[in-house]
Amino acid sequence: MEGILNKIIKDSQQGKKSLALLLDPDEYQNESLKNLFSVDFKHVSYLFIGGSLLKKESLDELIGNLKSINSKPVILFPGNAGHISDKADAILFLSLISGRNPDYLIGQQVISAPIIKEAKLEVLPTAYMLIDGGKPTTVQYMSNTMPIPADKPDIAACTALAGQYLGLKITYLDAGSGAENPIPPNIISAVKNETNGPLIVGGGIRNYEQMENAFDAGADIVVIGNALQNNEVRLEELNSPYLK
């Protein structure tokens, strides 16, 4: 069976776009999941599970509920070393390369590595970069790092390139949960032009147009989270020609 990382890389090389849903275990219960997936969601490729603050019990419960109603890959998007479940299919192994806090560059990774190995999760080595989304976000506060300014595409591009040279396979640009603004297209295109691996973009994307803008600029995977949770957009509204 083809691994998730290999599929993400191959799709990026072939120009195929994907949509991922980010679900917070502390916000979604079984009934809310059934309501979310009551419509056709064939255009969704991945389910990211995570939050800056969450309980282990709710993490396992959410993944179990998801597995009972769908067959999409369930990928952990951890806020720290405690956000790991052997019920998932894979984990975004994040290094927060936009910041200068060693705990999120390598510290949490050292703690989580043996847990991930024991859980037999597929590992997706990911260069994680925070981009200013117009206001301080939970991930900025919890990681004690400053985001890259939204008007500095050169810094973003050089940072992403450094992540690639370090051997990280995926780049993830994130404005953070609840960001006022999505990541500007010129930031996305600058990073895409400077690197040659898959590019994930999330944070602050609240509607179809913003999703399309991210795809147009070079995102391979767009992540939608709060907009669905807060009923700002419906899942069926996000069915883009890019996702055929």
Protein backbone atom coordinates (compact mmCIF):
# COMPACT_ATOMS: atom_id res chain seq x y z
CA MET A 1 0.00 0.00 0.00
CA GLU A 2 1.30 3.45 -0.92
CA GLY A 3 2.37 5.47 2.11
CA ILE A 4 0.75 8.81 2.90
CA LEU A 5 4.01 10.73 2.55
CA ASN A 6 4.73 9.19 -0.84
CA LYS A 7 1.21 10.04 -2.02
CA ILE A 8 1.51 13.66 -0.87
CA ILE A 9 4.87 14.01 -2.65
CA LYS A 10 3.66 12.33 -5.84
CA ASP A 11 0.48 14.43 -5.96
CA SER A 12 2.57 17.59 -5.55
CA GLN A 13 4.89 16.55 -8.38
CA GLN A 14 1.88 15.89 -10.62
CA GLY A 15 0.17 19.18 -9.73
CA LYS A 16 -2.75 17.53 -7.92
CA LYS A 17 -4.39 19.64 -5.21
CA SER A 18 -5.98 18.38 -1.99
CA LEU A 19 -8.24 19.63 0.78
CA ALA A 20 -7.66 18.73 4.43
CA LEU A 21 -10.04 19.29 7.32
CA LEU A 22 -8.54 20.23 10.69
CA LEU A 23 -10.67 18.90 13.55
CA ASP A 24 -10.13 19.85 17.19
CA PRO A 25 -10.91 16.84 19.45
CA ASP A 26 -12.25 19.12 22.19
CA GLU A 27 -14.76 20.69 19.79
CA TYR A 28 -16.12 17.73 17.84
CA GLN A 29 -18.26 15.03 19.38
CA ASN A 30 -19.88 12.08 17.63
CA GLU A 31 -23.10 13.90 16.68
CA SER A 32 -21.30 16.97 15.35
CA LEU A 33 -19.09 14.69 13.25
CA LYS A 34 -22.13 12.96 11.78
CA ASN A 35 -23.61 16.36 10.91
CA LEU A 36 -20.33 17.49 9.32
CA PHE A 37 -20.04 14.36 7.20
CA SER A 38 -23.75 14.10 6.37
CA VAL A 39 -22.96 15.60 2.93
CA ASP A 40 -20.77 14.20 0.16
CA PHE A 41 -17.14 14.90 1.04
CA LYS A 42 -15.33 13.01 -1.71
CA HIS A 43 -13.35 16.19 -2.40
CA VAL A 44 -11.70 15.93 1.05
CA SER A 45 -8.43 13.98 1.00
CA TYR A 46 -7.09 14.19 4.57
CA LEU A 47 -8.34 14.64 8.12
CA PHE A 48 -5.90 16.50 10.37
CA ILE A 49 -6.51 16.08 14.10
CA GLY A 50 -5.11 18.53 16.61
CA GLY A 51 -5.31 21.58 18.79
CA SER A 52 -3.02 23.60 21.01
CA LEU A 53 -4.81 22.32 24.12
CA LEU A 54 -6.57 18.98 24.21
CA LYS A 55 -7.24 15.96 26.37
CA LYS A 56 -5.89 12.49 25.50
CA GLU A 57 -9.31 10.93 26.00
CA SER A 58 -10.97 13.27 23.50
CA LEU A 59 -8.17 12.63 20.96
CA ASP A 60 -8.64 8.86 21.00
CA GLU A 61 -12.42 9.21 21.00
CA LEU A 62 -12.47 11.53 17.99
CA ILE A 63 -10.17 9.31 15.94
CA GLY A 64 -12.25 6.26 16.82
CA ASN A 65 -15.43 8.05 15.75
CA LEU A 66 -13.82 9.19 12.51
CA LYS A 67 -12.61 5.70 11.70
CA SER A 68 -16.14 4.38 12.17
CA ILE A 69 -17.69 6.73 9.59
CA ASN A 70 -14.99 7.31 6.96
CA SER A 71 -11.89 5.85 5.31
CA LYS A 72 -9.88 9.04 4.77
CA PRO A 73 -6.35 9.11 6.24
CA VAL A 74 -6.34 10.48 9.79
CA ILE A 75 -3.19 12.51 10.44
CA LEU A 76 -2.14 13.93 13.79
CA PHE A 77 -1.31 17.65 13.89
CA PRO A 78 0.20 17.76 17.40
CA GLY A 79 0.52 20.81 19.62
CA ASN A 80 3.08 19.06 21.83
CA ALA A 81 4.59 15.65 22.61
CA GLY A 82 1.48 14.56 24.51
CA HIS A 83 -0.83 14.80 21.51
CA ILE A 84 -0.14 11.33 20.10
CA SER A 85 -2.52 8.45 19.51
CA ASP A 86 -1.78 5.04 18.05
CA LYS A 87 -5.26 5.08 16.52
CA ALA A 88 -4.19 7.57 13.81
CA ASP A 89 -2.61 6.66 10.47
CA ALA A 90 0.23 9.19 10.48
CA ILE A 91 1.65 12.22 12.25
CA LEU A 92 2.94 15.55 11.00
CA PHE A 93 6.34 15.54 12.72
CA LEU A 94 6.64 19.30 13.06
CA SER A 95 9.72 21.42 13.57
CA LEU A 96 8.74 25.05 14.13
CA ILE A 97 11.50 26.53 11.98
CA SER A 98 10.02 30.04 11.84
CA GLY A 99 10.66 30.47 15.57
CA ARG A 100 13.75 30.43 17.75
CA ASN A 101 12.37 28.38 20.63
CA PRO A 102 14.50 25.21 20.84
CA ASP A 103 11.70 23.33 22.58
CA TYR A 104 9.63 23.44 19.39
CA LEU A 105 12.59 23.06 17.05
CA ILE A 106 13.83 19.81 18.62
CA GLY A 107 12.85 19.49 22.31
CA GLN A 108 9.28 18.22 21.92
CA GLN A 109 10.44 16.04 19.04
CA VAL A 110 12.98 14.20 21.21
CA ILE A 111 10.28 13.50 23.81
CA SER A 112 7.75 12.31 21.24
CA ALA A 113 10.06 10.21 19.02
CA PRO A 114 10.00 6.97 21.07
CA ILE A 115 6.24 7.34 21.62
CA ILE A 116 5.68 7.67 17.87
CA LYS A 117 7.89 4.65 17.19
CA GLU A 118 5.95 2.58 19.72
CA ALA A 119 2.65 3.70 18.17
CA LYS A 120 3.89 2.63 14.69
CA LEU A 121 2.65 5.85 13.10
CA GLU A 122 3.82 6.90 9.65
CA VAL A 123 6.00 9.97 10.13
CA LEU A 124 5.64 13.02 7.86
CA PRO A 125 8.74 15.23 8.47
CA THR A 126 7.37 18.78 8.26
CA ALA A 127 8.89 22.27 8.31
CA TYR A 128 6.25 24.21 10.25
CA MET A 129 6.16 27.97 9.74
CA LEU A 130 3.94 30.53 11.43
CA ILE A 131 2.95 33.53 9.31
CA ASP A 132 1.36 36.61 10.88
CA GLY A 133 -2.40 36.39 10.44
CA GLY A 134 -3.34 39.79 11.85
CA LYS A 135 -3.58 38.99 15.55
CA PRO A 136 -1.83 36.83 18.17
CA THR A 137 -2.99 33.21 18.00
CA THR A 138 -2.99 30.32 20.43
CA VAL A 139 -0.11 28.55 18.71
CA GLN A 140 1.99 31.72 18.88
CA TYR A 141 1.31 32.03 22.60
CA MET A 142 1.85 28.34 23.38
CA SER A 143 5.06 28.06 21.35
CA ASN A 144 6.43 31.39 22.62
CA THR A 145 7.56 32.32 19.09
CA MET A 146 6.99 35.24 16.76
CA PRO A 147 5.41 34.60 13.35
CA ILE A 148 7.07 35.73 10.15
CA PRO A 149 5.60 39.12 9.08
CA ALA A 150 3.02 38.78 6.32
CA ASP A 151 4.85 41.37 4.20
CA LYS A 152 8.19 39.51 4.21
CA PRO A 153 7.98 36.83 1.49
CA ASP A 154 11.78 36.73 1.19
CA ILE A 155 12.14 35.68 4.85
CA ALA A 156 9.44 33.05 4.42
CA ALA A 157 11.06 31.67 1.27
CA CYS A 158 14.56 31.48 2.79
CA THR A 159 13.18 29.85 5.94
CA ALA A 160 11.34 27.22 3.91
CA LEU A 161 14.44 26.55 1.83
CA ALA A 162 16.47 26.03 5.01
CA GLY A 163 13.87 23.49 6.15
CA GLN A 164 14.22 21.66 2.86
CA TYR A 165 18.01 21.60 3.18
CA LEU A 166 17.60 20.16 6.67
CA GLY A 167 15.79 17.23 5.07
CA LEU A 168 12.20 18.06 6.01
CA LYS A 169 9.89 16.69 3.32
CA ILE A 170 6.83 18.96 3.65
CA THR A 171 6.43 22.69 4.27
CA TYR A 172 3.41 23.86 6.28
CA LEU A 173 2.55 27.58 6.30
CA ASP A 174 0.09 28.39 9.08
CA ALA A 175 -1.52 31.67 10.11
CA GLY A 176 -2.83 29.92 13.22
CA SER A 177 -6.26 28.98 14.48
CA GLY A 178 -8.62 31.95 14.47
CA ALA A 179 -6.31 34.16 12.39
CA GLU A 180 -7.96 37.31 11.07
CA ASN A 181 -6.29 37.02 7.68
CA PRO A 182 -5.21 34.09 5.51
CA ILE A 183 -1.61 33.85 4.35
CA PRO A 184 -1.05 36.30 1.47
CA PRO A 185 -0.66 34.73 -1.99
CA ASN A 186 2.77 36.33 -2.49
CA ILE A 187 4.07 34.51 0.61
CA ILE A 188 2.70 31.21 -0.70
CA SER A 189 4.11 31.70 -4.19
CA ALA A 190 7.51 32.81 -2.86
CA VAL A 191 7.81 29.65 -0.75
CA LYS A 192 6.57 27.43 -3.58
CA ASN A 193 9.02 28.93 -6.06
CA GLU A 194 11.98 28.53 -3.69
CA THR A 195 11.30 24.92 -2.68
CA ASN A 196 10.40 21.74 -4.53
CA GLY A 197 8.38 19.73 -2.00
CA PRO A 198 4.70 19.63 -1.03
CA LEU A 199 3.28 22.83 0.43
CA ILE A 200 0.45 22.86 2.99
CA VAL A 201 -1.33 26.15 3.75
CA GLY A 202 -3.81 26.80 6.57
CA GLY A 203 -5.12 29.35 9.02
CA GLY A 204 -7.60 32.14 8.40
CA ILE A 205 -9.18 30.51 5.32
CA ARG A 206 -12.91 31.04 5.70
CA ASN A 207 -14.43 30.73 2.25
CA TYR A 208 -14.15 29.25 -1.22
CA GLU A 209 -12.41 32.30 -2.70
CA GLN A 210 -9.64 32.29 -0.10
CA MET A 211 -9.14 28.56 -0.65
CA GLU A 212 -8.86 29.10 -4.42
CA ASN A 213 -6.40 31.96 -3.90
CA ALA A 214 -4.15 29.64 -1.89
CA PHE A 215 -4.32 26.96 -4.59
CA ASP A 216 -3.65 29.54 -7.33
CA ALA A 217 -0.57 30.75 -5.45
CA GLY A 218 0.93 27.26 -5.20
CA ALA A 219 -0.53 25.45 -2.19
CA ASP A 220 -0.73 21.69 -2.72
CA ILE A 221 -2.95 21.08 0.33
CA VAL A 222 -5.27 23.70 1.83
CA VAL A 223 -6.44 23.20 5.41
CA ILE A 224 -9.86 24.36 6.63
CA GLY A 225 -10.60 24.30 10.36
CA ASN A 226 -12.34 27.05 12.32
CA ALA A 227 -14.53 28.10 9.40
CA LEU A 228 -16.28 24.71 9.46
CA GLN A 229 -16.36 24.50 13.23
CA ASN A 230 -17.95 27.96 13.47
CA ASN A 231 -20.36 27.31 10.57
CA GLU A 232 -18.86 30.14 8.50
CA VAL A 233 -18.67 27.85 5.48
CA ARG A 234 -20.30 24.54 4.56
CA LEU A 235 -18.28 21.56 3.44
CA GLU A 236 -20.10 21.26 0.13
CA GLU A 237 -19.19 24.88 -0.71
CA LEU A 238 -15.50 23.92 -0.82
CA ASN A 239 -15.77 21.56 -3.81
CA SER A 240 -13.26 23.20 -6.15
CA PRO A 241 -12.34 22.27 -9.76
CA TYR A 242 -8.80 21.92 -8.36
CA LEU A 243 -10.00 18.92 -6.36
CA LYS A 244 -11.31 16.81 -9.24
